Each structure stands twice: as structure tokens, then as C-alpha cells.
Protein backbone atom coordinates (compact mmCIF):
# COMPACT_ATOMS: atom_id res chain seq x y z
CA UNK A 1 4.91 11.72 2.67
CA UNK A 2 5.17 12.96 6.24
CA UNK A 3 7.54 11.42 8.74
CA UNK A 4 6.14 8.99 11.31
CA UNK A 5 3.05 8.59 9.19
CA UNK A 6 1.08 5.40 8.84
CA UNK A 7 1.63 4.16 5.29
CA UNK A 8 1.17 1.10 3.14
CA UNK A 9 3.72 -1.26 1.64
CA UNK A 10 2.68 -2.63 -1.72
CA UNK A 11 4.60 -5.66 -2.99
CA UNK A 12 4.23 -7.09 -6.46
CA UNK A 13 5.79 -10.51 -7.09
CA UNK A 14 6.31 -11.31 -10.78
CA UNK A 15 8.75 -13.09 -13.07
CA UNK A 16 11.46 -11.15 -14.87
CA UNK A 17 10.10 -12.25 -18.25
CA UNK A 18 6.59 -10.84 -17.56
CA UNK A 19 5.52 -8.34 -20.20
CA UNK A 20 2.83 -5.70 -20.57
CA UNK A 21 2.10 -4.52 -24.10
CA UNK A 22 5.49 -5.83 -25.22
CA UNK A 23 7.52 -4.08 -22.49
CA UNK A 24 9.03 -5.57 -19.31
CA UNK A 25 6.25 -5.44 -16.72
CA UNK A 26 8.54 -4.33 -13.89
CA UNK A 27 9.64 -1.28 -15.92
CA UNK A 28 6.04 -0.40 -16.79
CA UNK A 29 5.02 -0.61 -13.12
CA UNK A 30 7.88 1.67 -12.02
CA UNK A 31 7.04 4.22 -14.72
CA UNK A 32 3.34 4.07 -13.81
CA UNK A 33 4.19 4.68 -10.14
CA UNK A 34 6.22 7.74 -11.14
CA UNK A 35 3.45 8.97 -13.45
CA UNK A 36 0.96 8.68 -10.56
CA UNK A 37 3.37 10.62 -8.28
CA UNK A 38 3.93 7.82 -5.79
CA UNK A 39 6.80 8.34 -3.35
CA UNK A 40 9.07 5.77 -5.02
CA UNK A 41 9.43 2.22 -6.25
CA UNK A 42 12.18 -0.37 -5.97
CA UNK A 43 12.64 -3.55 -8.00
CA UNK A 44 14.47 -6.39 -6.25
CA UNK A 45 15.71 -9.40 -8.23
CA UNK A 46 15.53 -12.72 -6.42
CA UNK A 47 18.09 -15.47 -6.86
CA UNK A 48 15.55 -18.25 -6.52
CA UNK A 49 11.84 -18.78 -5.97
CA UNK A 50 8.66 -20.51 -7.08
CA UNK A 51 5.03 -19.59 -7.53
CA UNK A 52 1.65 -21.30 -7.76
CA UNK A 53 2.80 -23.78 -10.42
CA UNK A 54 5.71 -24.87 -8.16
CA UNK A 55 8.25 -24.34 -10.94
CA UNK A 56 11.61 -23.27 -9.49
CA UNK A 57 13.01 -20.10 -11.05
CA UNK A 58 16.69 -19.49 -10.39
CA UNK A 59 19.64 -17.41 -11.53
CA UNK A 60 22.17 -20.25 -11.40
CA UNK A 61 25.07 -19.69 -13.74
CA UNK A 62 25.18 -21.47 -17.11
CA UNK A 63 21.48 -20.90 -17.68
CA UNK A 64 20.84 -18.84 -20.77
CA UNK A 65 17.10 -18.38 -20.28
CA UNK A 66 16.26 -17.04 -16.84
CA UNK A 67 12.91 -15.98 -15.45
CA UNK A 68 14.20 -14.73 -12.13
CA UNK A 69 11.66 -13.74 -9.48
CA UNK A 70 11.20 -9.99 -9.04
CA UNK A 71 9.61 -8.01 -6.23
CA UNK A 72 8.51 -4.43 -6.79
CA UNK A 73 8.07 -2.54 -3.53
CA UNK A 74 6.23 0.75 -3.18
CA UNK A 75 5.63 2.58 0.09
CA UNK A 76 3.25 5.52 0.28
CA UNK A 77 0.04 6.69 1.93
CA UNK A 78 -3.12 4.64 1.40
CA UNK A 79 -4.50 7.39 -0.84
CA UNK A 80 -1.54 7.18 -3.23
CA UNK A 81 -1.30 3.38 -3.20
CA UNK A 82 -4.98 3.22 -4.21
CA UNK A 83 -4.11 5.15 -7.39
CA UNK A 84 -2.04 2.30 -8.86
CA UNK A 85 -4.19 -0.70 -7.86
CA UNK A 86 -6.58 -0.58 -10.87
CA UNK A 87 -3.60 -0.57 -13.24
CA UNK A 88 -2.00 -3.52 -11.42
CA UNK A 89 -5.27 -5.45 -11.58
CA UNK A 90 -5.11 -5.13 -15.36
CA UNK A 91 -1.36 -5.52 -15.92
CA UNK A 92 -0.36 -8.32 -13.52
CA UNK A 93 -1.71 -11.49 -15.12
CA UNK A 94 0.63 -13.95 -13.36
CA UNK A 95 1.91 -12.89 -9.97
CA UNK A 96 1.06 -11.98 -6.41
CA UNK A 97 0.21 -8.56 -5.01
CA UNK A 98 0.26 -7.90 -1.26
CA UNK A 99 -0.48 -4.85 0.84
CA UNK A 100 0.38 -4.21 4.47
CA UNK A 101 0.45 -1.34 6.92
CA UNK A 102 3.83 0.20 7.70
CA UNK A 103 5.08 3.01 9.91
CA UNK A 104 7.20 5.46 7.92
CA UNK A 105 10.10 6.60 10.10
CA UNK A 106 12.12 8.61 7.61
CA UNK A 107 11.64 9.67 3.99
CA UNK A 108 14.12 12.19 2.70
CA UNK A 109 15.81 13.31 -0.48
CA UNK A 110 18.93 15.41 -0.33
CA UNK A 111 19.31 17.57 -3.41
CA UNK A 112 22.86 18.48 -4.39
CA UNK A 113 23.65 22.13 -3.90
CA UNK A 114 25.50 22.52 -7.22
């Protein structure tokens, strides 16, 4: 991705317990993004939230079964973001997917010189 390029921010809101073909959905999405050569993906775990059913999901201590809210964020060009949307349409059964324009200021990877 070029610097100072117009890009897109894709956000996928799901629960931590969401699965796709028996695997954690967030892991499958990250691996799919890598497979499709997207610039990167980040999974953020929320401490509290609720969705369309208004059920509060939280990570309060002393709870053994937690379905914490997760957000997967991917930033790339529109062309690359479009590559993953058909998969997300199939895989995300319960959740929210948003897309917005962003201005990429810096995208860099420093390789170690060892």
C-alpha cells in the first residue's frame, strides 16, 4: 500500500465464541486476510458490549463462560478489501461489518538486518 493513499477500513464485530467450520471465526478471518494478501489484520478484544439482541457480553472476573466482543480491523486499498467481502458474507452469521474511507499516512515494516 502506498503512503498517503486513500484506503478503506473494514471492521468486523463478532463474539469471541463465533465459529466457522469448527474454528474460531476471528482466527479464520485473519488467516483468510493473509491468504488474500491484504496489508494486515488486527483483532481487538472488548471488555464489554452488546449487539442486536441487547445481551450484555463482558469479561468481568469470576465468569467462566465469556463471549467477549471482538473487532477485527483491516486497512487496505478498495481493490484488496473487495477480495475478502464474499468470504465474510458467508462466514459472519451473527455480527456487524462496516466499511469506511481512510487516509493512509504511514505503512511500514522494518525487517531486521540479521
